[in-house]
């Protein structure tokens, strides 16, 4: 009885190992590219990602990384009048941004051919967001009453650190280079919530990223 049970366990282990090996379920991915927060200067993004293939079409992943960008610009509109000719002004309200995410997600392959595999991905997680915040002052001509501009008050500089919840969607293509190595091109659209920045789907709370990556099947 013990020999039969032992033989069954060994057989199951052999079958599972063969199946996992055939599917190459585990891979490591390194990404780098450009991050584009709305109304902000572009910056740089890098990440390391761990993938686990559930099936030929679906895989789960977890990643972390580092992103940085500089100024976020606010826009202000004044009513046009006989004395107020310029009506649109801007000034930056934050700079020196860093973002460190820890996200989990799912990737779905929806088309494959000999050249590439196209996929969609959905993800969520938390990020550590850090930046300098500034007040913006409005300048008005004393004699004319004309709004002359909006200016960043550098003396009001304050470092803000936040932990924010985020969600994202994206897509891309995977191109095989060797049997185990793939080139990944992807585009992501993310937004974070529960933030004073402010949050979900606001101008400050949205960023996109274009990434180039290498994925190695272990």
C-alpha atoms as a PDB file:
ATOM      1  CA  UNK A   1       0.000   0.000   0.000  1.00  0.00           C
ATOM      2  CA  UNK A   2       2.797   2.397   0.953  1.00  0.00           C
ATOM      3  CA  UNK A   3       4.728   1.482  -2.191  1.00  0.00           C
ATOM      4  CA  UNK A   4       1.639   2.126  -4.339  1.00  0.00           C
ATOM      5  CA  UNK A   5       1.011   5.509  -2.681  1.00  0.00           C
ATOM      6  CA  UNK A   6       4.660   6.458  -3.041  1.00  0.00           C
ATOM      7  CA  UNK A   7       4.617   5.438  -6.711  1.00  0.00           C
ATOM      8  CA  UNK A   8       1.466   7.509  -7.285  1.00  0.00           C
ATOM      9  CA  UNK A   9       3.033  10.597  -5.670  1.00  0.00           C
ATOM     10  CA  UNK A  10       6.198  10.183  -7.749  1.00  0.00           C
ATOM     11  CA  UNK A  11       4.116   9.802 -10.918  1.00  0.00           C
ATOM     12  CA  UNK A  12       2.085  12.945 -10.149  1.00  0.00           C
ATOM     13  CA  UNK A  13       5.274  14.931  -9.446  1.00  0.00           C
ATOM     14  CA  UNK A  14       6.813  13.786 -12.736  1.00  0.00           C
ATOM     15  CA  UNK A  15       3.668  14.764 -14.664  1.00  0.00           C
ATOM     16  CA  UNK A  16       3.476  18.197 -12.975  1.00  0.00           C
ATOM     17  CA  UNK A  17       7.154  18.909 -13.537  1.00  0.00           C
ATOM     18  CA  UNK A  18       6.868  17.892 -17.187  1.00  0.00           C
ATOM     19  CA  UNK A  19       3.805  20.105 -17.657  1.00  0.00           C
ATOM     20  CA  UNK A  20       5.394  23.136 -15.991  1.00  0.00           C
ATOM     21  CA  UNK A  21       8.600  22.680 -17.944  1.00  0.00           C
ATOM     22  CA  UNK A  22       6.699  22.439 -21.210  1.00  0.00           C
ATOM     23  CA  UNK A  23       4.803  25.646 -20.519  1.00  0.00           C
ATOM     24  CA  UNK A  24       7.815  27.642 -19.263  1.00  0.00           C
ATOM     25  CA  UNK A  25       5.547  29.048 -16.531  1.00  0.00           C
ATOM     26  CA  UNK A  26       8.054  31.312 -14.787  1.00  0.00           C
ATOM     27  CA  UNK A  27       9.865  34.257 -16.330  1.00  0.00           C
ATOM     28  CA  UNK A  28      11.716  37.388 -15.255  1.00  0.00           C
ATOM     29  CA  UNK A  29      11.250  40.665 -17.117  1.00  0.00           C
ATOM     30  CA  UNK A  30      13.280  43.881 -17.052  1.00  0.00           C
ATOM     31  CA  UNK A  31      11.594  47.050 -18.391  1.00  0.00           C
ATOM     32  CA  UNK A  32      12.706  50.594 -19.105  1.00  0.00           C
ATOM     33  CA  UNK A  33      11.166  53.563 -20.863  1.00  0.00           C
ATOM     34  CA  UNK A  34       9.412  56.916 -20.637  1.00  0.00           C
ATOM     35  CA  UNK A  35       6.700  57.995 -18.185  1.00  0.00           C
ATOM     36  CA  UNK A  36       4.319  60.818 -19.157  1.00  0.00           C
ATOM     37  CA  UNK A  37       2.192  62.218 -16.309  1.00  0.00           C
ATOM     38  CA  UNK A  38      -0.543  64.570 -17.503  1.00  0.00           C
ATOM     39  CA  UNK A  39       0.396  68.287 -17.510  1.00  0.00           C
ATOM     40  CA  UNK A  40       3.925  67.364 -16.431  1.00  0.00           C
ATOM     41  CA  UNK A  41       7.345  66.984 -17.963  1.00  0.00           C
ATOM     42  CA  UNK A  42       8.205  63.511 -19.223  1.00  0.00           C
ATOM     43  CA  UNK A  43      10.426  61.324 -17.084  1.00  0.00           C
ATOM     44  CA  UNK A  44      12.027  57.899 -16.894  1.00  0.00           C
ATOM     45  CA  UNK A  45      10.766  54.575 -15.623  1.00  0.00           C
ATOM     46  CA  UNK A  46      12.396  51.238 -14.861  1.00  0.00           C
ATOM     47  CA  UNK A  47      11.009  48.042 -13.349  1.00  0.00           C
ATOM     48  CA  UNK A  48      11.690  44.389 -12.625  1.00  0.00           C
ATOM     49  CA  UNK A  49       8.809  41.972 -13.116  1.00  0.00           C
ATOM     50  CA  UNK A  50       8.127  38.356 -12.148  1.00  0.00           C
ATOM     51  CA  UNK A  51       5.656  36.461 -14.386  1.00  0.00           C
ATOM     52  CA  UNK A  52       3.825  33.182 -13.816  1.00  0.00           C
ATOM     53  CA  UNK A  53       1.968  31.540 -16.697  1.00  0.00           C
ATOM     54  CA  UNK A  54      -1.381  30.031 -15.669  1.00  0.00           C
ATOM     55  CA  UNK A  55      -2.205  28.912 -19.223  1.00  0.00           C
ATOM     56  CA  UNK A  56      -0.941  29.651 -22.755  1.00  0.00           C
ATOM     57  CA  UNK A  57      -3.237  32.706 -22.814  1.00  0.00           C
ATOM     58  CA  UNK A  58      -3.229  33.981 -19.225  1.00  0.00           C
ATOM     59  CA  UNK A  59      -0.374  34.875 -16.893  1.00  0.00           C
ATOM     60  CA  UNK A  60      -0.070  36.634 -13.544  1.00  0.00           C
ATOM     61  CA  UNK A  61       2.687  39.071 -12.654  1.00  0.00           C
ATOM     62  CA  UNK A  62       4.108  41.218  -9.873  1.00  0.00           C
ATOM     63  CA  UNK A  63       6.546  44.091 -10.342  1.00  0.00           C
ATOM     64  CA  UNK A  64       8.281  46.968  -8.646  1.00  0.00           C
ATOM     65  CA  UNK A  65      10.487  49.744  -9.936  1.00  0.00           C
ATOM     66  CA  UNK A  66      11.363  53.414  -9.876  1.00  0.00           C
ATOM     67  CA  UNK A  67      10.068  56.411 -11.841  1.00  0.00           C
ATOM     68  CA  UNK A  68      11.023  60.076 -11.774  1.00  0.00           C
ATOM     69  CA  UNK A  69       9.862  63.256 -13.475  1.00  0.00           C
ATOM     70  CA  UNK A  70      10.056  66.963 -12.721  1.00  0.00           C
ATOM     71  CA  UNK A  71       7.454  69.741 -12.940  1.00  0.00           C
ATOM     72  CA  UNK A  72       3.672  69.558 -12.859  1.00  0.00           C
ATOM     73  CA  UNK A  73       1.996  72.625 -14.386  1.00  0.00           C
ATOM     74  CA  UNK A  74      -1.316  74.178 -13.337  1.00  0.00           C
ATOM     75  CA  UNK A  75      -3.372  76.248 -15.810  1.00  0.00           C
ATOM     76  CA  UNK A  76      -5.545  79.250 -14.917  1.00  0.00           C
ATOM     77  CA  UNK A  77      -8.074  81.094 -17.091  1.00  0.00           C
ATOM     78  CA  UNK A  78      -9.252  84.651 -16.535  1.00  0.00           C
ATOM     79  CA  UNK A  79     -12.362  86.195 -18.074  1.00  0.00           C
ATOM     80  CA  UNK A  80     -11.681  88.245 -21.179  1.00  0.00           C
ATOM     81  CA  UNK A  81     -12.543  91.950 -20.867  1.00  0.00           C
ATOM     82  CA  UNK A  82     -11.586  95.356 -22.271  1.00  0.00           C
ATOM     83  CA  UNK A  83      -8.625  95.509 -19.900  1.00  0.00           C
ATOM     84  CA  UNK A  84      -7.890  91.770 -19.571  1.00  0.00           C
ATOM     85  CA  UNK A  85      -6.414  90.681 -22.917  1.00  0.00           C
ATOM     86  CA  UNK A  86      -4.352  87.660 -21.835  1.00  0.00           C
ATOM     87  CA  UNK A  87      -6.674  85.080 -20.297  1.00  0.00           C
ATOM     88  CA  UNK A  88      -4.638  81.848 -19.984  1.00  0.00           C
ATOM     89  CA  UNK A  89      -1.782  81.555 -17.491  1.00  0.00           C
ATOM     90  CA  UNK A  90       0.267  78.731 -16.038  1.00  0.00           C
ATOM     91  CA  UNK A  91       2.760  77.996 -13.275  1.00  0.00           C
ATOM     92  CA  UNK A  92       4.159  74.815 -11.804  1.00  0.00           C
ATOM     93  CA  UNK A  93       2.816  73.619  -8.448  1.00  0.00           C
ATOM     94  CA  UNK A  94       5.053  70.562  -7.895  1.00  0.00           C
ATOM     95  CA  UNK A  95       8.420  69.195  -8.981  1.00  0.00           C
ATOM     96  CA  UNK A  96      11.034  66.515  -8.305  1.00  0.00           C
ATOM     97  CA  UNK A  97       8.601  63.577  -8.411  1.00  0.00           C
ATOM     98  CA  UNK A  98       9.560  59.991  -7.588  1.00  0.00           C
ATOM     99  CA  UNK A  99       7.237  56.988  -7.745  1.00  0.00           C
ATOM    100  CA  UNK A 100       7.985  53.485  -6.419  1.00  0.00           C
ATOM    101  CA  UNK A 101       5.171  51.008  -7.265  1.00  0.00           C
ATOM    102  CA  UNK A 102       4.427  47.482  -6.074  1.00  0.00           C
ATOM    103  CA  UNK A 103       1.768  46.109  -8.431  1.00  0.00           C
ATOM    104  CA  UNK A 104       0.147  42.793  -9.254  1.00  0.00           C
ATOM    105  CA  UNK A 105      -1.627  42.129 -12.519  1.00  0.00           C
ATOM    106  CA  UNK A 106      -2.864  39.743 -15.181  1.00  0.00           C
ATOM    107  CA  UNK A 107      -1.797  39.537 -18.819  1.00  0.00           C
ATOM    108  CA  UNK A 108      -4.082  38.081 -21.485  1.00  0.00           C
ATOM    109  CA  UNK A 109      -2.733  36.989 -24.875  1.00  0.00           C
ATOM    110  CA  UNK A 110      -5.412  37.587 -27.519  1.00  0.00           C
ATOM    111  CA  UNK A 111      -3.502  37.090 -30.798  1.00  0.00           C
ATOM    112  CA  UNK A 112      -0.399  35.131 -31.826  1.00  0.00           C
ATOM    113  CA  UNK A 113       1.454  34.587 -35.093  1.00  0.00           C
ATOM    114  CA  UNK A 114       4.989  33.704 -36.164  1.00  0.00           C
ATOM    115  CA  UNK A 115       6.274  37.242 -35.510  1.00  0.00           C
ATOM    116  CA  UNK A 116       4.624  38.359 -32.274  1.00  0.00           C
ATOM    117  CA  UNK A 117       2.022  37.779 -29.571  1.00  0.00           C
ATOM    118  CA  UNK A 118      -0.339  40.657 -28.740  1.00  0.00           C
ATOM    119  CA  UNK A 119      -1.593  41.047 -25.182  1.00  0.00           C
ATOM    120  CA  UNK A 120      -3.680  43.161 -22.820  1.00  0.00           C
ATOM    121  CA  UNK A 121      -2.906  43.648 -19.145  1.00  0.00           C
ATOM    122  CA  UNK A 122      -4.799  44.807 -16.052  1.00  0.00           C
ATOM    123  CA  UNK A 123      -3.092  45.704 -12.765  1.00  0.00           C
ATOM    124  CA  UNK A 124      -3.509  47.243  -9.327  1.00  0.00           C
ATOM    125  CA  UNK A 125      -1.353  47.952  -6.301  1.00  0.00           C
ATOM    126  CA  UNK A 126       0.248  50.557  -4.076  1.00  0.00           C
ATOM    127  CA  UNK A 127       2.918  53.160  -4.804  1.00  0.00           C
ATOM    128  CA  UNK A 128       5.113  55.425  -2.730  1.00  0.00           C
ATOM    129  CA  UNK A 129       4.816  58.912  -4.234  1.00  0.00           C
ATOM    130  CA  UNK A 130       7.164  61.737  -3.216  1.00  0.00           C
ATOM    131  CA  UNK A 131       7.362  65.311  -4.574  1.00  0.00           C
ATOM    132  CA  UNK A 132       7.875  68.978  -3.702  1.00  0.00           C
ATOM    133  CA  UNK A 133       4.680  71.021  -3.422  1.00  0.00           C
ATOM    134  CA  UNK A 134       4.420  74.813  -3.910  1.00  0.00           C
ATOM    135  CA  UNK A 135       1.783  77.492  -3.479  1.00  0.00           C
ATOM    136  CA  UNK A 136       0.915  79.580  -6.542  1.00  0.00           C
ATOM    137  CA  UNK A 137       0.451  83.334  -6.219  1.00  0.00           C
ATOM    138  CA  UNK A 138      -1.668  85.546  -8.447  1.00  0.00           C
ATOM    139  CA  UNK A 139      -0.221  88.891  -9.554  1.00  0.00           C
ATOM    140  CA  UNK A 140      -2.646  91.744 -10.255  1.00  0.00           C
ATOM    141  CA  UNK A 141      -1.765  95.249 -11.436  1.00  0.00           C
ATOM    142  CA  UNK A 142      -2.595  97.698  -8.644  1.00  0.00           C
ATOM    143  CA  UNK A 143      -3.614 100.564 -10.928  1.00  0.00           C
ATOM    144  CA  UNK A 144      -5.203  98.608 -13.800  1.00  0.00           C
ATOM    145  CA  UNK A 145      -6.637  95.548 -12.049  1.00  0.00           C
ATOM    146  CA  UNK A 146      -5.241  93.422 -14.885  1.00  0.00           C
ATOM    147  CA  UNK A 147      -4.116  89.922 -13.970  1.00  0.00           C
ATOM    148  CA  UNK A 148      -0.440  89.872 -14.913  1.00  0.00           C
ATOM    149  CA  UNK A 149       0.298  86.252 -14.186  1.00  0.00           C
ATOM    150  CA  UNK A 150       0.495  83.314 -11.799  1.00  0.00           C
ATOM    151  CA  UNK A 151       3.836  82.546 -10.152  1.00  0.00           C
ATOM    152  CA  UNK A 152       5.286  79.680  -8.161  1.00  0.00           C
ATOM    153  CA  UNK A 153       6.090  80.668  -4.592  1.00  0.00           C
ATOM    154  CA  UNK A 154       9.439  78.929  -4.102  1.00  0.00           C
ATOM    155  CA  UNK A 155       9.498  79.902  -0.417  1.00  0.00           C
ATOM    156  CA  UNK A 156       6.446  77.666   0.196  1.00  0.00           C
ATOM    157  CA  UNK A 157       8.301  74.505  -0.824  1.00  0.00           C
ATOM    158  CA  UNK A 158       7.132  71.438   1.113  1.00  0.00           C
ATOM    159  CA  UNK A 159       8.133  67.783   0.617  1.00  0.00           C
ATOM    160  CA  UNK A 160       5.111  65.486   0.364  1.00  0.00           C
ATOM    161  CA  UNK A 161       5.275  61.700   0.853  1.00  0.00           C
ATOM    162  CA  UNK A 162       2.208  59.589   0.133  1.00  0.00           C
ATOM    163  CA  UNK A 163       1.204  55.943  -0.179  1.00  0.00           C
ATOM    164  CA  UNK A 164      -1.373  55.736  -2.969  1.00  0.00           C
ATOM    165  CA  UNK A 165      -3.574  52.966  -4.364  1.00  0.00           C
ATOM    166  CA  UNK A 166      -3.472  52.647  -8.150  1.00  0.00           C
ATOM    167  CA  UNK A 167      -5.100  50.829 -11.048  1.00  0.00           C
ATOM    168  CA  UNK A 168      -3.944  50.443 -14.623  1.00  0.00           C
ATOM    169  CA  UNK A 169      -4.622  48.971 -18.043  1.00  0.00           C
ATOM    170  CA  UNK A 170      -2.326  48.481 -20.988  1.00  0.00           C
ATOM    171  CA  UNK A 171      -1.256  46.362 -23.892  1.00  0.00           C
ATOM    172  CA  UNK A 172       1.633  45.458 -26.098  1.00  0.00           C
ATOM    173  CA  UNK A 173       3.407  42.826 -28.149  1.00  0.00           C
ATOM    174  CA  UNK A 174       5.975  40.135 -27.412  1.00  0.00           C
ATOM    175  CA  UNK A 175       8.515  39.129 -30.078  1.00  0.00           C
ATOM    176  CA  UNK A 176      10.665  35.990 -29.652  1.00  0.00           C
ATOM    177  CA  UNK A 177      14.435  36.548 -29.938  1.00  0.00           C
ATOM    178  CA  UNK A 178      15.561  33.088 -28.843  1.00  0.00           C
ATOM    179  CA  UNK A 179      13.794  30.045 -27.429  1.00  0.00           C
ATOM    180  CA  UNK A 180      13.787  31.605 -23.944  1.00  0.00           C
ATOM    181  CA  UNK A 181      14.242  35.337 -24.557  1.00  0.00           C
ATOM    182  CA  UNK A 182      11.487  37.707 -25.754  1.00  0.00           C
ATOM    183  CA  UNK A 183      11.447  41.401 -26.633  1.00  0.00           C
ATOM    184  CA  UNK A 184       8.467  43.217 -25.053  1.00  0.00           C
ATOM    185  CA  UNK A 185       6.977  46.513 -26.250  1.00  0.00           C
ATOM    186  CA  UNK A 186       4.149  47.819 -24.087  1.00  0.00           C
ATOM    187  CA  UNK A 187       2.082  50.884 -23.249  1.00  0.00           C
ATOM    188  CA  UNK A 188       0.349  51.475 -19.896  1.00  0.00           C
ATOM    189  CA  UNK A 189      -2.264  53.904 -18.641  1.00  0.00           C
ATOM    190  CA  UNK A 190      -2.411  54.239 -14.843  1.00  0.00           C
ATOM    191  CA  UNK A 191      -4.203  56.350 -12.268  1.00  0.00           C
ATOM    192  CA  UNK A 192      -3.844  56.509  -8.494  1.00  0.00           C
ATOM    193  CA  UNK A 193      -6.484  57.237  -5.881  1.00  0.00           C
ATOM    194  CA  UNK A 194      -6.681  58.178  -2.151  1.00  0.00           C
ATOM    195  CA  UNK A 195      -4.128  60.916  -2.778  1.00  0.00           C
ATOM    196  CA  UNK A 196      -3.998  64.624  -2.006  1.00  0.00           C
ATOM    197  CA  UNK A 197      -2.342  65.062  -5.389  1.00  0.00           C
ATOM    198  CA  UNK A 198      -5.451  64.693  -6.122  1.00  0.00           C
ATOM    199  CA  UNK A 199      -6.582  61.225  -7.131  1.00  0.00           C
ATOM    200  CA  UNK A 200      -8.320  58.847  -9.479  1.00  0.00           C
ATOM    201  CA  UNK A 201      -8.696  60.088 -13.081  1.00  0.00           C
ATOM    202  CA  UNK A 202      -7.713  63.642 -12.134  1.00  0.00           C
ATOM    203  CA  UNK A 203      -5.152  65.541 -14.198  1.00  0.00           C
ATOM    204  CA  UNK A 204      -2.517  65.056 -11.518  1.00  0.00           C
ATOM    205  CA  UNK A 205      -3.451  61.442 -10.869  1.00  0.00           C
ATOM    206  CA  UNK A 206      -2.968  60.052 -14.389  1.00  0.00           C
ATOM    207  CA  UNK A 207       0.190  58.905 -16.106  1.00  0.00           C
ATOM    208  CA  UNK A 208       1.073  56.776 -19.095  1.00  0.00           C
ATOM    209  CA  UNK A 209       4.261  54.888 -19.841  1.00  0.00           C
ATOM    210  CA  UNK A 210       5.929  53.434 -22.921  1.00  0.00           C
ATOM    211  CA  UNK A 211       8.179  50.494 -22.039  1.00  0.00           C
ATOM    212  CA  UNK A 212      10.747  48.310 -23.760  1.00  0.00           C
ATOM    213  CA  UNK A 213      11.556  45.082 -21.955  1.00  0.00           C
ATOM    214  CA  UNK A 214      13.339  41.756 -22.110  1.00  0.00           C
ATOM    215  CA  UNK A 215      11.551  38.679 -20.789  1.00  0.00           C
ATOM    216  CA  UNK A 216      13.550  35.529 -19.944  1.00  0.00           C
ATOM    217  CA  UNK A 217      11.797  32.206 -19.436  1.00  0.00           C
ATOM    218  CA  UNK A 218      13.426  30.316 -16.582  1.00  0.00           C
END
